[in-house]
Amino acid sequence: MPAASTPNPPGLPVLAPVLAVVAGIAAFSIMDAAMKAASLVLGVGTALLLRNLFGTLLTVPLWLVKGRPTPTRKVALFHFQRSCVTSVMAALFFYGLVRIPMAEGMAISFFAPIIALYFAALLLGETIRPRAVFAALLGLVGMVVIGADRFGAGQYGAEAIKGTAAIVLSAVFYALNLVMQRKQALLAGPVEIALFQNLGVTVLFALFAPFYWTMPDAASLAWTLLGAALATTALLFLSWGYARAEAQVLVPVEYTGFLWAALMGWMVFGERPGPGIVAGAALIVTGCWIGTRPAQNNT
């Protein structure tokens, strides 16, 4: 197997990994809009199966050009483990996203970096600092503010409650995904990661396809193909960026996704985030910033 990506080579601007992750988050956010449109027509399962199938087909030529990098058994197992986490995370997220506005769903998902601190302690043996506890409490307050904004407007019906609960649970799996993402980026190159993650998720969703399959029309096929292209592009950018900079530097970049989600929600679905959602997102982002800052500011 070719050597995995290495940290920032000499001469590579420090800003390059940050810009790569910004581009990856933008692509993922626009993909969310495409997949929400497809999921409203096809259902979440069919939309995600088609997206990852198209993503696999789009990535195979890149994999061939790269010399067909093949993972070892240990790395292949890790690819599959992350595919399992990604599958559950994506299914929960889009189940929720078809029930609540995009900006709101993105704001709630920002709680993931705080949860990731606790996964890092559990899986990597890192110490939970007092400010991580404060960050978690601040993030919880942010989610309460978002919920209060919806309740106050009388918009929290049963479907919205189910959607919010699904995205909160999705954030837990997204936190685990963040911890795994850094390790995976050091084990394999971006093309290998993109191919085997798309392939793994496709296989997992295909196993359950008889229970949810809906025949797509031309419009929904176009949305899923666009989603596949954007998701694959995002995976390439994020894998490249996370292999060249520390997670604590890159995690705050995730918050740019709220701006993209608000823009896409407004342009595609006519959604307008209220002041409570913006305020709640600000509290969650502040909590994440506090929790993910290094112990000593030496950057």
C-alpha atoms as a PDB file:
ATOM      1  CA  MET A   1       0.000   0.000   0.000  1.00  0.00           C
ATOM      2  CA  PRO A   2       1.384   3.443  -0.826  1.00  0.00           C
ATOM      3  CA  ALA A   3       2.509   5.559   2.080  1.00  0.00           C
ATOM      4  CA  ALA A   4      -0.261   7.423   3.829  1.00  0.00           C
ATOM      5  CA  SER A   5      -0.522  11.179   3.809  1.00  0.00           C
ATOM      6  CA  THR A   6       2.014  12.979   5.964  1.00  0.00           C
ATOM      7  CA  PRO A   7       1.822  16.193   7.954  1.00  0.00           C
ATOM      8  CA  ASN A   8       2.291  19.523   6.254  1.00  0.00           C
ATOM      9  CA  PRO A   9       5.362  19.235   3.935  1.00  0.00           C
ATOM     10  CA  PRO A  10       7.998  21.966   4.086  1.00  0.00           C
ATOM     11  CA  GLY A  11       6.965  24.939   2.025  1.00  0.00           C
ATOM     12  CA  LEU A  12       3.232  24.147   2.106  1.00  0.00           C
ATOM     13  CA  PRO A  13       1.405  27.197   3.502  1.00  0.00           C
ATOM     14  CA  VAL A  14      -0.177  26.560   6.910  1.00  0.00           C
ATOM     15  CA  LEU A  15      -3.358  28.090   5.503  1.00  0.00           C
ATOM     16  CA  ALA A  16      -3.696  25.404   2.810  1.00  0.00           C
ATOM     17  CA  PRO A  17      -5.183  22.663   5.058  1.00  0.00           C
ATOM     18  CA  VAL A  18      -7.608  25.195   6.555  1.00  0.00           C
ATOM     19  CA  LEU A  19      -8.771  26.301   3.098  1.00  0.00           C
ATOM     20  CA  ALA A  20      -9.132  22.646   2.051  1.00  0.00           C
ATOM     21  CA  VAL A  21     -11.407  21.970   5.039  1.00  0.00           C
ATOM     22  CA  VAL A  22     -13.401  25.160   4.341  1.00  0.00           C
ATOM     23  CA  ALA A  23     -13.964  23.900   0.782  1.00  0.00           C
ATOM     24  CA  GLY A  24     -14.905  20.461   2.105  1.00  0.00           C
ATOM     25  CA  ILE A  25     -17.448  21.874   4.559  1.00  0.00           C
ATOM     26  CA  ALA A  26     -18.941  24.077   1.827  1.00  0.00           C
ATOM     27  CA  ALA A  27     -19.302  21.056  -0.470  1.00  0.00           C
ATOM     28  CA  PHE A  28     -20.899  18.995   2.302  1.00  0.00           C
ATOM     29  CA  SER A  29     -23.333  21.795   3.163  1.00  0.00           C
ATOM     30  CA  ILE A  30     -24.484  22.185  -0.443  1.00  0.00           C
ATOM     31  CA  MET A  31     -24.722  18.397  -0.633  1.00  0.00           C
ATOM     32  CA  ASP A  32     -27.067  18.479   2.381  1.00  0.00           C
ATOM     33  CA  ALA A  33     -29.483  20.640   0.376  1.00  0.00           C
ATOM     34  CA  ALA A  34     -29.321  18.282  -2.612  1.00  0.00           C
ATOM     35  CA  MET A  35     -29.902  15.239  -0.404  1.00  0.00           C
ATOM     36  CA  LYS A  36     -32.773  16.883   1.472  1.00  0.00           C
ATOM     37  CA  ALA A  37     -34.465  17.548  -1.869  1.00  0.00           C
ATOM     38  CA  ALA A  38     -33.913  13.918  -2.936  1.00  0.00           C
ATOM     39  CA  SER A  39     -34.988  12.513   0.447  1.00  0.00           C
ATOM     40  CA  LEU A  40     -38.276  14.413   0.358  1.00  0.00           C
ATOM     41  CA  VAL A  41     -39.144  12.493  -2.821  1.00  0.00           C
ATOM     42  CA  LEU A  42     -37.423   9.121  -2.391  1.00  0.00           C
ATOM     43  CA  GLY A  43     -37.061   8.704   1.339  1.00  0.00           C
ATOM     44  CA  VAL A  44     -33.761   8.829   3.202  1.00  0.00           C
ATOM     45  CA  GLY A  45     -32.694   5.229   2.569  1.00  0.00           C
ATOM     46  CA  THR A  46     -33.039   5.279  -1.221  1.00  0.00           C
ATOM     47  CA  ALA A  47     -31.459   8.729  -1.492  1.00  0.00           C
ATOM     48  CA  LEU A  48     -28.408   7.713   0.558  1.00  0.00           C
ATOM     49  CA  LEU A  49     -28.014   4.400  -1.255  1.00  0.00           C
ATOM     50  CA  LEU A  50     -28.010   6.142  -4.639  1.00  0.00           C
ATOM     51  CA  ARG A  51     -25.699   8.915  -3.433  1.00  0.00           C
ATOM     52  CA  ASN A  52     -23.062   6.500  -2.198  1.00  0.00           C
ATOM     53  CA  LEU A  53     -23.433   4.211  -5.222  1.00  0.00           C
ATOM     54  CA  PHE A  54     -22.834   7.185  -7.534  1.00  0.00           C
ATOM     55  CA  GLY A  55     -20.010   8.308  -5.249  1.00  0.00           C
ATOM     56  CA  THR A  56     -18.329   4.911  -5.578  1.00  0.00           C
ATOM     57  CA  LEU A  57     -18.602   5.022  -9.383  1.00  0.00           C
ATOM     58  CA  LEU A  58     -17.206   8.569  -9.459  1.00  0.00           C
ATOM     59  CA  THR A  59     -14.260   7.638  -7.244  1.00  0.00           C
ATOM     60  CA  VAL A  60     -13.158   4.446  -9.025  1.00  0.00           C
ATOM     61  CA  PRO A  61     -11.422   6.330 -11.915  1.00  0.00           C
ATOM     62  CA  LEU A  62      -9.498   8.448  -9.378  1.00  0.00           C
ATOM     63  CA  TRP A  63      -8.506   5.286  -7.536  1.00  0.00           C
ATOM     64  CA  LEU A  64      -7.230   3.717 -10.781  1.00  0.00           C
ATOM     65  CA  VAL A  65      -5.216   6.826 -11.644  1.00  0.00           C
ATOM     66  CA  LYS A  66      -3.660   6.726  -8.151  1.00  0.00           C
ATOM     67  CA  GLY A  67      -2.357   3.223  -8.821  1.00  0.00           C
ATOM     68  CA  ARG A  68      -5.162   1.307  -7.113  1.00  0.00           C
ATOM     69  CA  PRO A  69      -3.997   1.778  -3.497  1.00  0.00           C
ATOM     70  CA  THR A  70      -5.197  -1.229  -1.533  1.00  0.00           C
ATOM     71  CA  PRO A  71      -5.489  -1.117   2.259  1.00  0.00           C
ATOM     72  CA  THR A  72      -4.075  -3.762   4.562  1.00  0.00           C
ATOM     73  CA  ARG A  73      -6.577  -5.933   6.409  1.00  0.00           C
ATOM     74  CA  LYS A  74      -6.268  -3.731   9.516  1.00  0.00           C
ATOM     75  CA  VAL A  75      -6.818  -0.499   7.595  1.00  0.00           C
ATOM     76  CA  ALA A  76      -9.669  -2.049   5.570  1.00  0.00           C
ATOM     77  CA  LEU A  77     -11.372  -2.987   8.855  1.00  0.00           C
ATOM     78  CA  PHE A  78     -11.015   0.607  10.046  1.00  0.00           C
ATOM     79  CA  HIS A  79     -12.503   1.863   6.750  1.00  0.00           C
ATOM     80  CA  PHE A  80     -15.489  -0.419   7.302  1.00  0.00           C
ATOM     81  CA  GLN A  81     -15.889   0.658  10.929  1.00  0.00           C
ATOM     82  CA  ARG A  82     -16.033   4.303   9.885  1.00  0.00           C
ATOM     83  CA  SER A  83     -18.501   3.379   7.112  1.00  0.00           C
ATOM     84  CA  CYS A  84     -20.789   1.876   9.781  1.00  0.00           C
ATOM     85  CA  VAL A  85     -20.579   5.034  11.892  1.00  0.00           C
ATOM     86  CA  THR A  86     -21.115   7.230   8.817  1.00  0.00           C
ATOM     87  CA  SER A  87     -24.153   5.208   7.718  1.00  0.00           C
ATOM     88  CA  VAL A  88     -25.947   5.612  11.037  1.00  0.00           C
ATOM     89  CA  MET A  89     -24.920   9.267  11.293  1.00  0.00           C
ATOM     90  CA  ALA A  90     -26.150  10.106   7.789  1.00  0.00           C
ATOM     91  CA  ALA A  91     -29.434   8.210   8.115  1.00  0.00           C
ATOM     92  CA  LEU A  92     -30.277   9.991  11.369  1.00  0.00           C
ATOM     93  CA  PHE A  93     -29.170  13.394  10.071  1.00  0.00           C
ATOM     94  CA  PHE A  94     -31.229  13.320   6.876  1.00  0.00           C
ATOM     95  CA  TYR A  95     -34.208  11.786   8.673  1.00  0.00           C
ATOM     96  CA  GLY A  96     -34.110  14.870  10.849  1.00  0.00           C
ATOM     97  CA  LEU A  97     -33.269  17.316   8.082  1.00  0.00           C
ATOM     98  CA  VAL A  98     -36.421  16.544   6.102  1.00  0.00           C
ATOM     99  CA  ARG A  99     -38.420  17.514   9.203  1.00  0.00           C
ATOM    100  CA  ILE A 100     -36.715  20.743  10.323  1.00  0.00           C
ATOM    101  CA  PRO A 101     -34.976  23.659   8.506  1.00  0.00           C
ATOM    102  CA  MET A 102     -31.385  23.188   7.338  1.00  0.00           C
ATOM    103  CA  ALA A 103     -29.868  25.991   9.449  1.00  0.00           C
ATOM    104  CA  GLU A 104     -31.504  24.586  12.576  1.00  0.00           C
ATOM    105  CA  GLY A 105     -30.310  21.070  11.849  1.00  0.00           C
ATOM    106  CA  MET A 106     -26.768  22.295  11.203  1.00  0.00           C
ATOM    107  CA  ALA A 107     -26.778  24.373  14.399  1.00  0.00           C
ATOM    108  CA  ILE A 108     -27.791  21.350  16.497  1.00  0.00           C
ATOM    109  CA  SER A 109     -25.150  19.169  14.839  1.00  0.00           C
ATOM    110  CA  PHE A 110     -22.473  21.646  15.973  1.00  0.00           C
ATOM    111  CA  PHE A 111     -22.733  20.015  19.394  1.00  0.00           C
ATOM    112  CA  ALA A 112     -20.674  17.140  17.941  1.00  0.00           C
ATOM    113  CA  PRO A 113     -17.185  18.646  18.524  1.00  0.00           C
ATOM    114  CA  ILE A 114     -17.990  18.967  22.236  1.00  0.00           C
ATOM    115  CA  ILE A 115     -19.094  15.320  22.393  1.00  0.00           C
ATOM    116  CA  ALA A 116     -15.899  14.440  20.487  1.00  0.00           C
ATOM    117  CA  LEU A 117     -13.863  15.649  23.471  1.00  0.00           C
ATOM    118  CA  TYR A 118     -15.491  12.938  25.593  1.00  0.00           C
ATOM    119  CA  PHE A 119     -14.993  10.272  22.922  1.00  0.00           C
ATOM    120  CA  ALA A 120     -11.318  11.284  22.757  1.00  0.00           C
ATOM    121  CA  ALA A 121     -11.101  10.743  26.514  1.00  0.00           C
ATOM    122  CA  LEU A 122     -12.863   7.389  26.273  1.00  0.00           C
ATOM    123  CA  LEU A 123     -11.068   6.035  23.190  1.00  0.00           C
ATOM    124  CA  LEU A 124      -7.714   7.824  23.299  1.00  0.00           C
ATOM    125  CA  GLY A 125      -7.202   8.228  27.026  1.00  0.00           C
ATOM    126  CA  GLU A 126      -7.180  12.025  26.917  1.00  0.00           C
ATOM    127  CA  THR A 127      -8.013  13.993  30.078  1.00  0.00           C
ATOM    128  CA  ILE A 128     -11.335  15.850  30.193  1.00  0.00           C
ATOM    129  CA  ARG A 129     -10.516  19.407  31.227  1.00  0.00           C
ATOM    130  CA  PRO A 130     -12.918  21.508  33.329  1.00  0.00           C
ATOM    131  CA  ARG A 131     -13.538  23.862  30.430  1.00  0.00           C
ATOM    132  CA  ALA A 132     -14.721  20.887  28.365  1.00  0.00           C
ATOM    133  CA  VAL A 133     -17.479  20.395  30.936  1.00  0.00           C
ATOM    134  CA  PHE A 134     -18.331  24.103  30.733  1.00  0.00           C
ATOM    135  CA  ALA A 135     -18.320  23.876  26.921  1.00  0.00           C
ATOM    136  CA  ALA A 136     -20.780  20.983  27.055  1.00  0.00           C
ATOM    137  CA  LEU A 137     -23.111  22.926  29.335  1.00  0.00           C
ATOM    138  CA  LEU A 138     -22.913  25.974  27.057  1.00  0.00           C
ATOM    139  CA  GLY A 139     -23.723  23.787  24.055  1.00  0.00           C
ATOM    140  CA  LEU A 140     -26.728  22.326  25.860  1.00  0.00           C
ATOM    141  CA  VAL A 141     -27.964  25.835  26.635  1.00  0.00           C
ATOM    142  CA  GLY A 142     -27.609  26.657  22.935  1.00  0.00           C
ATOM    143  CA  MET A 143     -29.800  23.706  21.977  1.00  0.00           C
ATOM    144  CA  VAL A 144     -32.386  24.736  24.584  1.00  0.00           C
ATOM    145  CA  VAL A 145     -32.443  28.247  23.074  1.00  0.00           C
ATOM    146  CA  ILE A 146     -33.025  26.788  19.602  1.00  0.00           C
ATOM    147  CA  GLY A 147     -35.823  24.606  20.931  1.00  0.00           C
ATOM    148  CA  ALA A 148     -37.388  27.512  22.830  1.00  0.00           C
ATOM    149  CA  ASP A 149     -37.395  29.589  19.647  1.00  0.00           C
ATOM    150  CA  ARG A 150     -39.394  26.897  17.857  1.00  0.00           C
ATOM    151  CA  PHE A 151     -41.740  26.273  20.775  1.00  0.00           C
ATOM    152  CA  GLY A 152     -42.359  29.988  21.136  1.00  0.00           C
ATOM    153  CA  ALA A 153     -43.328  30.232  17.486  1.00  0.00           C
ATOM    154  CA  GLY A 154     -45.656  27.251  17.828  1.00  0.00           C
ATOM    155  CA  GLN A 155     -43.688  25.284  15.213  1.00  0.00           C
ATOM    156  CA  TYR A 156     -42.721  22.219  17.243  1.00  0.00           C
ATOM    157  CA  GLY A 157     -45.085  19.506  16.125  1.00  0.00           C
ATOM    158  CA  ALA A 158     -44.493  15.777  16.470  1.00  0.00           C
ATOM    159  CA  GLU A 159     -42.472  15.554  13.252  1.00  0.00           C
ATOM    160  CA  ALA A 160     -40.219  18.443  14.278  1.00  0.00           C
ATOM    161  CA  ILE A 161     -39.595  16.817  17.660  1.00  0.00           C
ATOM    162  CA  LYS A 162     -38.639  13.537  15.963  1.00  0.00           C
ATOM    163  CA  GLY A 163     -36.402  15.422  13.539  1.00  0.00           C
ATOM    164  CA  THR A 164     -34.624  17.299  16.314  1.00  0.00           C
ATOM    165  CA  ALA A 165     -34.096  14.121  18.350  1.00  0.00           C
ATOM    166  CA  ALA A 166     -32.654  12.362  15.284  1.00  0.00           C
ATOM    167  CA  ILE A 167     -30.155  15.148  14.626  1.00  0.00           C
ATOM    168  CA  VAL A 168     -29.090  15.248  18.292  1.00  0.00           C
ATOM    169  CA  LEU A 169     -28.439  11.492  18.119  1.00  0.00           C
ATOM    170  CA  SER A 170     -26.709  11.954  14.769  1.00  0.00           C
ATOM    171  CA  ALA A 171     -24.376  14.468  16.436  1.00  0.00           C
ATOM    172  CA  VAL A 172     -23.211  11.714  18.804  1.00  0.00           C
ATOM    173  CA  PHE A 173     -22.191   9.542  15.853  1.00  0.00           C
ATOM    174  CA  TYR A 174     -20.696  12.583  14.109  1.00  0.00           C
ATOM    175  CA  ALA A 175     -18.523  13.161  17.183  1.00  0.00           C
ATOM    176  CA  LEU A 176     -17.234   9.601  16.950  1.00  0.00           C
ATOM    177  CA  ASN A 177     -16.721  10.175  13.225  1.00  0.00           C
ATOM    178  CA  LEU A 178     -14.552  13.242  13.973  1.00  0.00           C
ATOM    179  CA  VAL A 179     -12.292  11.204  16.262  1.00  0.00           C
ATOM    180  CA  MET A 180     -11.987   8.467  13.628  1.00  0.00           C
ATOM    181  CA  GLN A 181     -11.433  10.944  10.781  1.00  0.00           C
ATOM    182  CA  ARG A 182      -8.059  12.144  12.021  1.00  0.00           C
ATOM    183  CA  LYS A 183      -6.775   8.582  12.533  1.00  0.00           C
ATOM    184  CA  GLN A 184      -8.043   7.464   9.135  1.00  0.00           C
ATOM    185  CA  ALA A 185      -6.392  10.424   7.390  1.00  0.00           C
ATOM    186  CA  LEU A 186      -3.038   9.266   8.778  1.00  0.00           C
ATOM    187  CA  LEU A 187      -3.576   5.667   7.651  1.00  0.00           C
ATOM    188  CA  ALA A 188      -4.640   6.228   4.034  1.00  0.00           C
ATOM    189  CA  GLY A 189      -4.743   8.766   1.232  1.00  0.00           C
ATOM    190  CA  PRO A 190      -7.803  10.861   0.334  1.00  0.00           C
ATOM    191  CA  VAL A 191      -8.773   8.825  -2.750  1.00  0.00           C
ATOM    192  CA  GLU A 192      -8.577   5.522  -0.887  1.00  0.00           C
ATOM    193  CA  ILE A 193     -10.671   6.925   1.964  1.00  0.00           C
ATOM    194  CA  ALA A 194     -13.292   8.333  -0.406  1.00  0.00           C
ATOM    195  CA  LEU A 195     -13.599   5.098  -2.375  1.00  0.00           C
ATOM    196  CA  PHE A 196     -13.796   2.674   0.519  1.00  0.00           C
ATOM    197  CA  GLN A 197     -16.119   4.863   2.571  1.00  0.00           C
ATOM    198  CA  ASN A 198     -18.532   5.285  -0.355  1.00  0.00           C
ATOM    199  CA  LEU A 199     -18.314   1.564  -1.098  1.00  0.00           C
ATOM    200  CA  GLY A 200     -18.799   0.540   2.537  1.00  0.00           C
ATOM    201  CA  VAL A 201     -21.851   2.755   3.006  1.00  0.00           C
ATOM    202  CA  THR A 202     -23.314   1.518  -0.313  1.00  0.00           C
ATOM    203  CA  VAL A 203     -23.017  -2.113   0.785  1.00  0.00           C
ATOM    204  CA  LEU A 204     -24.592  -1.382   4.178  1.00  0.00           C
ATOM    205  CA  PHE A 205     -27.576   0.467   2.707  1.00  0.00           C
ATOM    206  CA  ALA A 206     -27.985  -2.118  -0.071  1.00  0.00           C
ATOM    207  CA  LEU A 207     -28.454  -4.861   2.540  1.00  0.00           C
ATOM    208  CA  PHE A 208     -31.608  -3.142   3.776  1.00  0.00           C
ATOM    209  CA  ALA A 209     -32.839  -1.832   0.401  1.00  0.00           C
ATOM    210  CA  PRO A 210     -35.759  -4.305   0.113  1.00  0.00           C
ATOM    211  CA  PHE A 211     -37.372  -2.618   3.129  1.00  0.00           C
ATOM    212  CA  TYR A 212     -37.324   0.964   1.821  1.00  0.00           C
ATOM    213  CA  TRP A 213     -36.532   1.090  -1.918  1.00  0.00           C
ATOM    214  CA  THR A 214     -38.413   3.709  -3.968  1.00  0.00           C
ATOM    215  CA  MET A 215     -38.030   3.941  -7.747  1.00  0.00           C
ATOM    216  CA  PRO A 216     -36.399   7.320  -8.524  1.00  0.00           C
ATOM    217  CA  ASP A 217     -37.509   9.746 -11.213  1.00  0.00           C
ATOM    218  CA  ALA A 218     -35.182  11.892 -13.338  1.00  0.00           C
ATOM    219  CA  ALA A 219     -35.228  14.870 -10.944  1.00  0.00           C
ATOM    220  CA  SER A 220     -34.400  12.826  -7.840  1.00  0.00           C
ATOM    221  CA  LEU A 221     -31.655  10.984  -9.728  1.00  0.00           C
ATOM    222  CA  ALA A 222     -30.137  14.352 -10.629  1.00  0.00           C
ATOM    223  CA  TRP A 223     -30.238  15.470  -6.980  1.00  0.00           C
ATOM    224  CA  THR A 224     -28.542  12.273  -5.773  1.00  0.00           C
ATOM    225  CA  LEU A 225     -25.892  12.455  -8.507  1.00  0.00           C
ATOM    226  CA  LEU A 226     -25.147  16.047  -7.501  1.00  0.00           C
ATOM    227  CA  GLY A 227     -25.036  14.932  -3.873  1.00  0.00           C
ATOM    228  CA  ALA A 228     -22.582  12.152  -4.748  1.00  0.00           C
ATOM    229  CA  ALA A 229     -20.262  14.517  -6.618  1.00  0.00           C
ATOM    230  CA  LEU A 230     -20.321  17.027  -3.760  1.00  0.00           C
ATOM    231  CA  ALA A 231     -19.876  14.379  -1.043  1.00  0.00           C
ATOM    232  CA  THR A 232     -16.906  12.829  -2.871  1.00  0.00           C
ATOM    233  CA  THR A 233     -15.342  16.252  -3.396  1.00  0.00           C
ATOM    234  CA  ALA A 234     -15.838  17.054   0.289  1.00  0.00           C
ATOM    235  CA  LEU A 235     -14.257  13.754   1.386  1.00  0.00           C
ATOM    236  CA  LEU A 236     -11.191  14.438  -0.753  1.00  0.00           C
ATOM    237  CA  PHE A 237     -10.758  17.966   0.612  1.00  0.00           C
ATOM    238  CA  LEU A 238     -11.345  16.962   4.249  1.00  0.00           C
ATOM    239  CA  SER A 239      -9.071  13.910   4.112  1.00  0.00           C
ATOM    240  CA  TRP A 240      -6.292  16.015   2.555  1.00  0.00           C
ATOM    241  CA  GLY A 241      -6.718  18.786   5.125  1.00  0.00           C
ATOM    242  CA  TYR A 242      -6.964  16.569   8.220  1.00  0.00           C
ATOM    243  CA  ALA A 243      -3.794  14.722   7.207  1.00  0.00           C
ATOM    244  CA  ARG A 244      -1.848  18.000   7.243  1.00  0.00           C
ATOM    245  CA  ALA A 245      -3.077  19.881  10.310  1.00  0.00           C
ATOM    246  CA  GLU A 246      -4.140  19.076  13.857  1.00  0.00           C
ATOM    247  CA  ALA A 247      -7.825  18.486  14.529  1.00  0.00           C
ATOM    248  CA  GLN A 248      -7.907  21.265  17.146  1.00  0.00           C
ATOM    249  CA  VAL A 249      -6.941  23.726  14.389  1.00  0.00           C
ATOM    250  CA  LEU A 250      -9.492  22.426  11.905  1.00  0.00           C
ATOM    251  CA  VAL A 251     -12.541  21.606  14.051  1.00  0.00           C
ATOM    252  CA  PRO A 252     -13.570  25.297  14.408  1.00  0.00           C
ATOM    253  CA  VAL A 253     -13.766  25.486  10.603  1.00  0.00           C
ATOM    254  CA  GLU A 254     -16.774  23.149  10.843  1.00  0.00           C
ATOM    255  CA  TYR A 255     -18.811  26.128  12.066  1.00  0.00           C
ATOM    256  CA  THR A 256     -18.744  27.774   8.627  1.00  0.00           C
ATOM    257  CA  GLY A 257     -21.282  25.094   7.712  1.00  0.00           C
ATOM    258  CA  PHE A 258     -24.025  27.075   9.475  1.00  0.00           C
ATOM    259  CA  LEU A 259     -23.647  29.955   6.997  1.00  0.00           C
ATOM    260  CA  TRP A 260     -23.801  27.584   4.038  1.00  0.00           C
ATOM    261  CA  ALA A 261     -26.780  25.706   5.505  1.00  0.00           C
ATOM    262  CA  ALA A 262     -28.678  28.948   6.109  1.00  0.00           C
ATOM    263  CA  LEU A 263     -27.936  30.099   2.552  1.00  0.00           C
ATOM    264  CA  MET A 264     -28.922  26.779   0.947  1.00  0.00           C
ATOM    265  CA  GLY A 265     -32.051  26.492   3.090  1.00  0.00           C
ATOM    266  CA  TRP A 266     -33.131  29.965   2.012  1.00  0.00           C
ATOM    267  CA  MET A 267     -32.276  29.518  -1.701  1.00  0.00           C
ATOM    268  CA  VAL A 268     -33.634  25.985  -2.198  1.00  0.00           C
ATOM    269  CA  PHE A 269     -36.425  25.620   0.388  1.00  0.00           C
ATOM    270  CA  GLY A 270     -37.310  29.211   1.336  1.00  0.00           C
ATOM    271  CA  GLU A 271     -36.280  28.642   4.968  1.00  0.00           C
ATOM    272  CA  ARG A 272     -35.387  31.684   7.092  1.00  0.00           C
ATOM    273  CA  PRO A 273     -33.588  31.075  10.418  1.00  0.00           C
ATOM    274  CA  GLY A 274     -35.067  33.035  13.297  1.00  0.00           C
ATOM    275  CA  PRO A 275     -33.049  35.021  15.855  1.00  0.00           C
ATOM    276  CA  GLY A 276     -33.345  32.223  18.418  1.00  0.00           C
ATOM    277  CA  ILE A 277     -31.696  29.749  16.057  1.00  0.00           C
ATOM    278  CA  VAL A 278     -28.857  32.180  15.339  1.00  0.00           C
ATOM    279  CA  ALA A 279     -28.410  32.865  19.069  1.00  0.00           C
ATOM    280  CA  GLY A 280     -28.468  29.159  19.913  1.00  0.00           C
ATOM    281  CA  ALA A 281     -25.928  28.413  17.175  1.00  0.00           C
ATOM    282  CA  ALA A 282     -23.682  31.179  18.562  1.00  0.00           C
ATOM    283  CA  LEU A 283     -23.802  29.596  22.049  1.00  0.00           C
ATOM    284  CA  ILE A 284     -22.988  26.131  20.677  1.00  0.00           C
ATOM    285  CA  VAL A 285     -20.122  27.495  18.565  1.00  0.00           C
ATOM    286  CA  THR A 286     -18.762  29.417  21.562  1.00  0.00           C
ATOM    287  CA  GLY A 287     -18.899  26.246  23.629  1.00  0.00           C
ATOM    288  CA  CYS A 288     -17.078  24.301  20.926  1.00  0.00           C
ATOM    289  CA  TRP A 289     -14.437  27.047  20.646  1.00  0.00           C
ATOM    290  CA  ILE A 290     -13.847  26.975  24.405  1.00  0.00           C
ATOM    291  CA  GLY A 291     -13.786  23.193  24.592  1.00  0.00           C
ATOM    292  CA  THR A 292     -11.466  22.593  21.634  1.00  0.00           C
ATOM    293  CA  ARG A 293      -8.887  25.292  22.381  1.00  0.00           C
ATOM    294  CA  PRO A 294      -5.429  23.854  23.193  1.00  0.00           C
ATOM    295  CA  ALA A 295      -4.332  23.944  26.801  1.00  0.00           C
ATOM    296  CA  GLN A 296      -1.695  26.542  25.954  1.00  0.00           C
ATOM    297  CA  ASN A 297      -2.105  28.947  23.086  1.00  0.00           C
ATOM    298  CA  ASN A 298       1.088  28.184  21.219  1.00  0.00           C
ATOM    299  CA  THR A 299      -0.216  28.358  17.657  1.00  0.00           C
END
